[in-house]
Amino acid sequence: EVVDLTDWWESDVIDFKPEDHAFLKIDEENGYSMMPLIRPGDVVLISFSQKPVDGDIVAARWDENAGAIKVYNESALDPNLIVLTSYNQVVAPIFLRKSQVRLYKVVLIKKKK
């Protein structure tokens, strides 16, 4: 899906490398797990090169059909295990092996007007 953000460029100046970043729009169907921090309609900027650290917000992709914006947590018991939690604590955490998931650090959150 292509999102026209033309008016954004006129109001905000953001210094980033387009070949190393991408914008993701939080969808209406699945965008409630990070509320109220991130809401449906918000846009996040992700980095392909910055490595996330414990506690960072990430875009996580664990198969071709499943992915989400979550809080990245490293396991103290198993360095190969990660836990993806939601800002909304009603949503259950997701436990995955690092090898099962692609992680992209969220470097900017643009709130819907």
N, C-alpha and C. Protein backbone atom coordinates (compact mmCIF):
# COMPACT_ATOMS: atom_id res chain seq x y z
N GLU A 1 0.84 -1.17 0.00
CA GLU A 1 0.00 0.00 0.00
C GLU A 1 0.89 1.24 0.00
N VAL A 2 0.61 2.18 -0.88
CA VAL A 2 1.35 3.42 -0.96
C VAL A 2 0.54 4.50 -0.25
N VAL A 3 1.21 5.23 0.62
CA VAL A 3 0.55 6.29 1.37
C VAL A 3 1.17 7.61 0.96
N ASP A 4 0.34 8.55 0.54
CA ASP A 4 0.82 9.87 0.14
C ASP A 4 1.00 10.74 1.38
N LEU A 5 2.25 11.06 1.70
CA LEU A 5 2.55 11.88 2.86
C LEU A 5 3.11 13.24 2.43
N THR A 6 2.64 13.76 1.29
CA THR A 6 3.16 14.99 0.72
C THR A 6 3.09 16.15 1.70
N ASP A 7 1.96 16.31 2.41
CA ASP A 7 1.82 17.43 3.33
C ASP A 7 2.78 17.32 4.52
N TRP A 8 3.19 16.09 4.86
CA TRP A 8 4.12 15.89 5.97
C TRP A 8 5.46 16.58 5.66
N TRP A 9 5.94 16.43 4.45
CA TRP A 9 7.25 16.99 4.09
C TRP A 9 7.26 18.50 4.17
N GLU A 10 6.13 19.12 3.98
CA GLU A 10 6.07 20.58 4.06
C GLU A 10 6.08 21.08 5.49
N SER A 11 5.64 20.26 6.44
CA SER A 11 5.54 20.72 7.81
C SER A 11 6.67 20.26 8.71
N ASP A 12 7.32 19.15 8.40
CA ASP A 12 8.38 18.60 9.25
C ASP A 12 9.61 18.30 8.42
N VAL A 13 10.77 18.60 8.99
CA VAL A 13 12.02 18.25 8.33
C VAL A 13 12.65 17.11 9.13
N ILE A 14 12.86 15.99 8.46
CA ILE A 14 13.44 14.82 9.09
C ILE A 14 14.67 14.42 8.28
N ASP A 15 15.79 14.26 8.97
CA ASP A 15 17.02 13.90 8.30
C ASP A 15 17.23 12.39 8.41
N PHE A 16 17.06 11.66 7.31
CA PHE A 16 17.27 10.23 7.29
C PHE A 16 17.64 9.81 5.88
N LYS A 17 18.24 8.63 5.76
CA LYS A 17 18.61 8.09 4.46
C LYS A 17 17.46 7.23 3.94
N PRO A 18 16.83 7.62 2.83
CA PRO A 18 15.69 6.85 2.32
C PRO A 18 16.02 5.40 1.97
N GLU A 19 17.26 5.12 1.58
CA GLU A 19 17.62 3.75 1.22
C GLU A 19 17.77 2.85 2.46
N ASP A 20 17.80 3.44 3.66
CA ASP A 20 17.99 2.69 4.89
C ASP A 20 16.77 2.76 5.82
N HIS A 21 15.70 3.40 5.38
CA HIS A 21 14.52 3.60 6.22
C HIS A 21 13.24 3.38 5.42
N ALA A 22 12.17 3.14 6.13
CA ALA A 22 10.86 3.01 5.49
C ALA A 22 9.78 3.50 6.46
N PHE A 23 8.69 3.98 5.89
CA PHE A 23 7.55 4.40 6.68
C PHE A 23 6.53 3.27 6.72
N LEU A 24 5.91 3.07 7.87
CA LEU A 24 4.82 2.12 8.02
C LEU A 24 3.64 2.85 8.63
N LYS A 25 2.49 2.69 8.01
CA LYS A 25 1.27 3.27 8.57
C LYS A 25 0.59 2.21 9.43
N ILE A 26 0.23 2.59 10.64
CA ILE A 26 -0.42 1.66 11.56
C ILE A 26 -1.86 1.48 11.10
N ASP A 27 -2.25 0.24 10.86
CA ASP A 27 -3.57 0.00 10.27
C ASP A 27 -4.69 -0.02 11.31
N GLU A 28 -5.89 0.16 10.79
CA GLU A 28 -7.09 0.20 11.64
C GLU A 28 -7.44 -1.18 12.19
N GLU A 29 -7.11 -2.23 11.46
CA GLU A 29 -7.52 -3.57 11.85
C GLU A 29 -6.70 -4.13 13.02
N ASN A 30 -5.38 -3.92 12.99
CA ASN A 30 -4.51 -4.55 13.99
C ASN A 30 -3.70 -3.55 14.81
N GLY A 31 -4.02 -2.29 14.74
CA GLY A 31 -3.16 -1.28 15.35
C GLY A 31 -3.46 -0.92 16.78
N TYR A 32 -4.19 -1.75 17.50
CA TYR A 32 -4.62 -1.38 18.84
C TYR A 32 -3.73 -1.91 19.96
N SER A 33 -2.80 -2.78 19.67
CA SER A 33 -2.00 -3.39 20.73
C SER A 33 -1.01 -2.42 21.37
N MET A 34 -0.69 -1.34 20.69
CA MET A 34 0.28 -0.38 21.25
C MET A 34 -0.40 0.91 21.74
N MET A 35 -1.71 0.91 21.82
CA MET A 35 -2.42 2.09 22.31
C MET A 35 -2.17 2.29 23.79
N PRO A 36 -2.09 3.51 24.27
CA PRO A 36 -2.29 4.77 23.57
C PRO A 36 -1.00 5.36 22.98
N LEU A 37 0.13 4.67 23.13
CA LEU A 37 1.39 5.21 22.61
C LEU A 37 1.34 5.36 21.09
N ILE A 38 0.91 4.31 20.41
CA ILE A 38 0.77 4.34 18.96
C ILE A 38 -0.65 3.90 18.64
N ARG A 39 -1.32 4.69 17.81
CA ARG A 39 -2.72 4.43 17.47
C ARG A 39 -2.86 4.16 15.98
N PRO A 40 -3.95 3.50 15.59
CA PRO A 40 -4.22 3.35 14.16
C PRO A 40 -4.24 4.72 13.47
N GLY A 41 -3.60 4.78 12.32
CA GLY A 41 -3.47 6.03 11.57
C GLY A 41 -2.14 6.72 11.79
N ASP A 42 -1.43 6.40 12.88
CA ASP A 42 -0.09 6.95 13.09
C ASP A 42 0.86 6.34 12.07
N VAL A 43 1.98 7.00 11.86
CA VAL A 43 3.00 6.51 10.94
C VAL A 43 4.30 6.38 11.72
N VAL A 44 5.02 5.26 11.52
CA VAL A 44 6.32 5.08 12.15
C VAL A 44 7.40 5.00 11.08
N LEU A 45 8.57 5.48 11.41
CA LEU A 45 9.74 5.38 10.55
C LEU A 45 10.63 4.30 11.13
N ILE A 46 10.97 3.29 10.31
CA ILE A 46 11.83 2.21 10.78
C ILE A 46 13.18 2.28 10.09
N SER A 47 14.18 1.77 10.79
CA SER A 47 15.54 1.71 10.26
C SER A 47 15.88 0.26 9.95
N PHE A 48 16.48 0.04 8.79
CA PHE A 48 16.92 -1.31 8.42
C PHE A 48 18.28 -1.65 9.01
N SER A 49 19.07 -0.64 9.42
CA SER A 49 20.43 -0.91 9.87
C SER A 49 20.64 -0.77 11.38
N GLN A 50 19.83 0.01 12.06
CA GLN A 50 20.02 0.17 13.50
C GLN A 50 19.54 -1.08 14.24
N LYS A 51 20.40 -1.61 15.06
CA LYS A 51 20.07 -2.82 15.80
C LYS A 51 19.27 -2.45 17.05
N PRO A 52 18.10 -3.07 17.23
CA PRO A 52 17.32 -2.75 18.42
C PRO A 52 17.97 -3.31 19.68
N VAL A 53 17.77 -2.61 20.78
CA VAL A 53 18.25 -3.06 22.09
C VAL A 53 17.03 -3.27 22.99
N ASP A 54 17.26 -3.96 24.07
CA ASP A 54 16.19 -4.28 25.02
C ASP A 54 15.38 -3.04 25.38
N GLY A 55 14.06 -3.12 25.19
CA GLY A 55 13.18 -2.01 25.52
C GLY A 55 12.80 -1.13 24.35
N ASP A 56 13.43 -1.30 23.19
CA ASP A 56 13.10 -0.50 22.01
C ASP A 56 11.76 -0.91 21.41
N ILE A 57 11.13 0.03 20.74
CA ILE A 57 9.95 -0.28 19.94
C ILE A 57 10.46 -0.75 18.58
N VAL A 58 9.88 -1.86 18.09
CA VAL A 58 10.34 -2.44 16.84
C VAL A 58 9.16 -2.80 15.95
N ALA A 59 9.43 -2.89 14.67
CA ALA A 59 8.53 -3.54 13.73
C ALA A 59 9.09 -4.95 13.60
N ALA A 60 8.27 -5.93 13.95
CA ALA A 60 8.71 -7.33 13.94
C ALA A 60 7.94 -8.09 12.88
N ARG A 61 8.67 -8.93 12.16
CA ARG A 61 8.05 -9.76 11.11
C ARG A 61 8.48 -11.19 11.35
N TRP A 62 7.54 -12.10 11.64
CA TRP A 62 7.93 -13.49 11.92
C TRP A 62 7.46 -14.49 10.89
N ASP A 63 6.66 -14.08 9.93
CA ASP A 63 6.41 -14.87 8.73
C ASP A 63 5.81 -13.93 7.68
N GLU A 64 5.46 -14.47 6.54
CA GLU A 64 4.99 -13.60 5.44
C GLU A 64 3.67 -12.91 5.75
N ASN A 65 2.90 -13.45 6.68
CA ASN A 65 1.59 -12.87 6.97
C ASN A 65 1.48 -12.26 8.36
N ALA A 66 2.49 -12.43 9.20
CA ALA A 66 2.39 -11.95 10.58
C ALA A 66 3.50 -10.96 10.89
N GLY A 67 3.10 -9.85 11.43
CA GLY A 67 4.04 -8.83 11.85
C GLY A 67 3.31 -7.80 12.69
N ALA A 68 4.07 -7.04 13.46
CA ALA A 68 3.44 -6.07 14.34
C ALA A 68 4.46 -5.09 14.87
N ILE A 69 3.97 -3.98 15.39
CA ILE A 69 4.80 -3.04 16.14
C ILE A 69 4.70 -3.47 17.60
N LYS A 70 5.84 -3.72 18.22
CA LYS A 70 5.88 -4.22 19.59
C LYS A 70 7.07 -3.63 20.33
N VAL A 71 7.11 -3.90 21.64
CA VAL A 71 8.28 -3.57 22.46
C VAL A 71 9.16 -4.81 22.50
N TYR A 72 10.44 -4.63 22.16
CA TYR A 72 11.41 -5.72 22.09
C TYR A 72 12.02 -5.95 23.46
N ASN A 73 11.97 -7.20 23.92
CA ASN A 73 12.56 -7.57 25.20
C ASN A 73 13.44 -8.80 25.01
N GLU A 74 14.64 -8.73 25.56
CA GLU A 74 15.56 -9.88 25.50
C GLU A 74 15.36 -10.73 26.73
N SER A 75 15.49 -12.02 26.58
CA SER A 75 15.34 -12.95 27.69
C SER A 75 16.65 -13.04 28.47
N ALA A 76 16.55 -12.93 29.78
CA ALA A 76 17.74 -13.07 30.64
C ALA A 76 18.14 -14.53 30.78
N LEU A 77 17.20 -15.44 30.56
CA LEU A 77 17.47 -16.87 30.72
C LEU A 77 18.02 -17.53 29.47
N ASP A 78 17.59 -17.06 28.31
CA ASP A 78 18.00 -17.67 27.04
C ASP A 78 18.32 -16.56 26.04
N PRO A 79 19.58 -16.38 25.66
CA PRO A 79 19.94 -15.29 24.74
C PRO A 79 19.35 -15.44 23.34
N ASN A 80 18.84 -16.63 23.01
CA ASN A 80 18.23 -16.85 21.69
C ASN A 80 16.72 -16.59 21.69
N LEU A 81 16.15 -16.28 22.84
CA LEU A 81 14.72 -16.06 22.97
C LEU A 81 14.43 -14.57 23.14
N ILE A 82 13.39 -14.10 22.45
CA ILE A 82 12.96 -12.72 22.63
C ILE A 82 11.47 -12.73 22.99
N VAL A 83 11.06 -11.66 23.62
CA VAL A 83 9.66 -11.48 23.98
C VAL A 83 9.21 -10.16 23.38
N LEU A 84 8.12 -10.20 22.62
CA LEU A 84 7.55 -9.01 22.03
C LEU A 84 6.29 -8.68 22.81
N THR A 85 6.32 -7.53 23.48
CA THR A 85 5.18 -7.13 24.31
C THR A 85 4.49 -5.93 23.70
N SER A 86 3.26 -5.75 24.14
CA SER A 86 2.46 -4.62 23.68
C SER A 86 2.44 -3.55 24.74
N TYR A 87 2.23 -2.32 24.32
CA TYR A 87 2.07 -1.22 25.26
C TYR A 87 0.76 -1.42 26.02
N ASN A 88 -0.24 -1.93 25.34
CA ASN A 88 -1.52 -2.27 25.94
C ASN A 88 -1.35 -3.63 26.61
N GLN A 89 -1.36 -3.67 27.92
CA GLN A 89 -1.04 -4.89 28.67
C GLN A 89 -2.12 -5.97 28.57
N VAL A 90 -3.27 -5.66 27.98
CA VAL A 90 -4.32 -6.65 27.79
C VAL A 90 -3.90 -7.67 26.73
N VAL A 91 -3.03 -7.26 25.81
CA VAL A 91 -2.57 -8.12 24.72
C VAL A 91 -1.44 -9.02 25.22
N ALA A 92 -1.56 -10.30 25.00
CA ALA A 92 -0.56 -11.28 25.47
C ALA A 92 0.77 -11.10 24.76
N PRO A 93 1.89 -11.34 25.46
CA PRO A 93 3.21 -11.25 24.83
C PRO A 93 3.41 -12.38 23.82
N ILE A 94 4.36 -12.15 22.91
CA ILE A 94 4.70 -13.13 21.88
C ILE A 94 6.14 -13.59 22.15
N PHE A 95 6.35 -14.88 22.27
CA PHE A 95 7.66 -15.45 22.53
C PHE A 95 8.18 -16.08 21.24
N LEU A 96 9.38 -15.68 20.82
CA LEU A 96 9.97 -16.18 19.58
C LEU A 96 11.47 -16.38 19.75
N ARG A 97 12.01 -17.23 18.92
CA ARG A 97 13.47 -17.35 18.82
C ARG A 97 13.97 -16.22 17.91
N LYS A 98 15.14 -15.69 18.20
CA LYS A 98 15.70 -14.60 17.38
C LYS A 98 15.79 -15.00 15.91
N SER A 99 16.06 -16.26 15.65
CA SER A 99 16.20 -16.72 14.27
C SER A 99 14.87 -16.76 13.52
N GLN A 100 13.75 -16.67 14.23
CA GLN A 100 12.43 -16.73 13.61
C GLN A 100 11.88 -15.37 13.21
N VAL A 101 12.55 -14.30 13.59
CA VAL A 101 11.95 -12.98 13.44
C VAL A 101 12.94 -11.98 12.84
N ARG A 102 12.40 -11.08 12.03
CA ARG A 102 13.17 -9.94 11.54
C ARG A 102 12.72 -8.72 12.34
N LEU A 103 13.68 -7.97 12.86
CA LEU A 103 13.38 -6.83 13.71
C LEU A 103 13.91 -5.55 13.08
N TYR A 104 13.08 -4.51 13.09
CA TYR A 104 13.46 -3.21 12.56
C TYR A 104 13.14 -2.16 13.62
N LYS A 105 14.14 -1.43 14.03
CA LYS A 105 13.97 -0.45 15.09
C LYS A 105 13.09 0.72 14.61
N VAL A 106 12.12 1.10 15.43
CA VAL A 106 11.29 2.27 15.16
C VAL A 106 12.08 3.48 15.65
N VAL A 107 12.36 4.42 14.75
CA VAL A 107 13.17 5.58 15.10
C VAL A 107 12.36 6.87 15.20
N LEU A 108 11.09 6.81 14.76
CA LEU A 108 10.24 7.99 14.82
C LEU A 108 8.78 7.57 14.80
N ILE A 109 7.98 8.26 15.59
CA ILE A 109 6.54 8.04 15.57
C ILE A 109 5.89 9.37 15.19
N LYS A 110 5.13 9.37 14.12
CA LYS A 110 4.41 10.57 13.67
C LYS A 110 2.94 10.32 13.99
N LYS A 111 2.42 11.12 14.92
CA LYS A 111 1.04 10.96 15.36
C LYS A 111 0.06 11.48 14.32
N LYS A 112 -1.06 10.77 14.18
CA LYS A 112 -2.14 11.19 13.27
C LYS A 112 -2.73 12.49 13.79
N LYS A 113 -2.99 13.40 12.87
CA LYS A 113 -3.56 14.69 13.27
C LYS A 113 -5.03 14.57 13.56
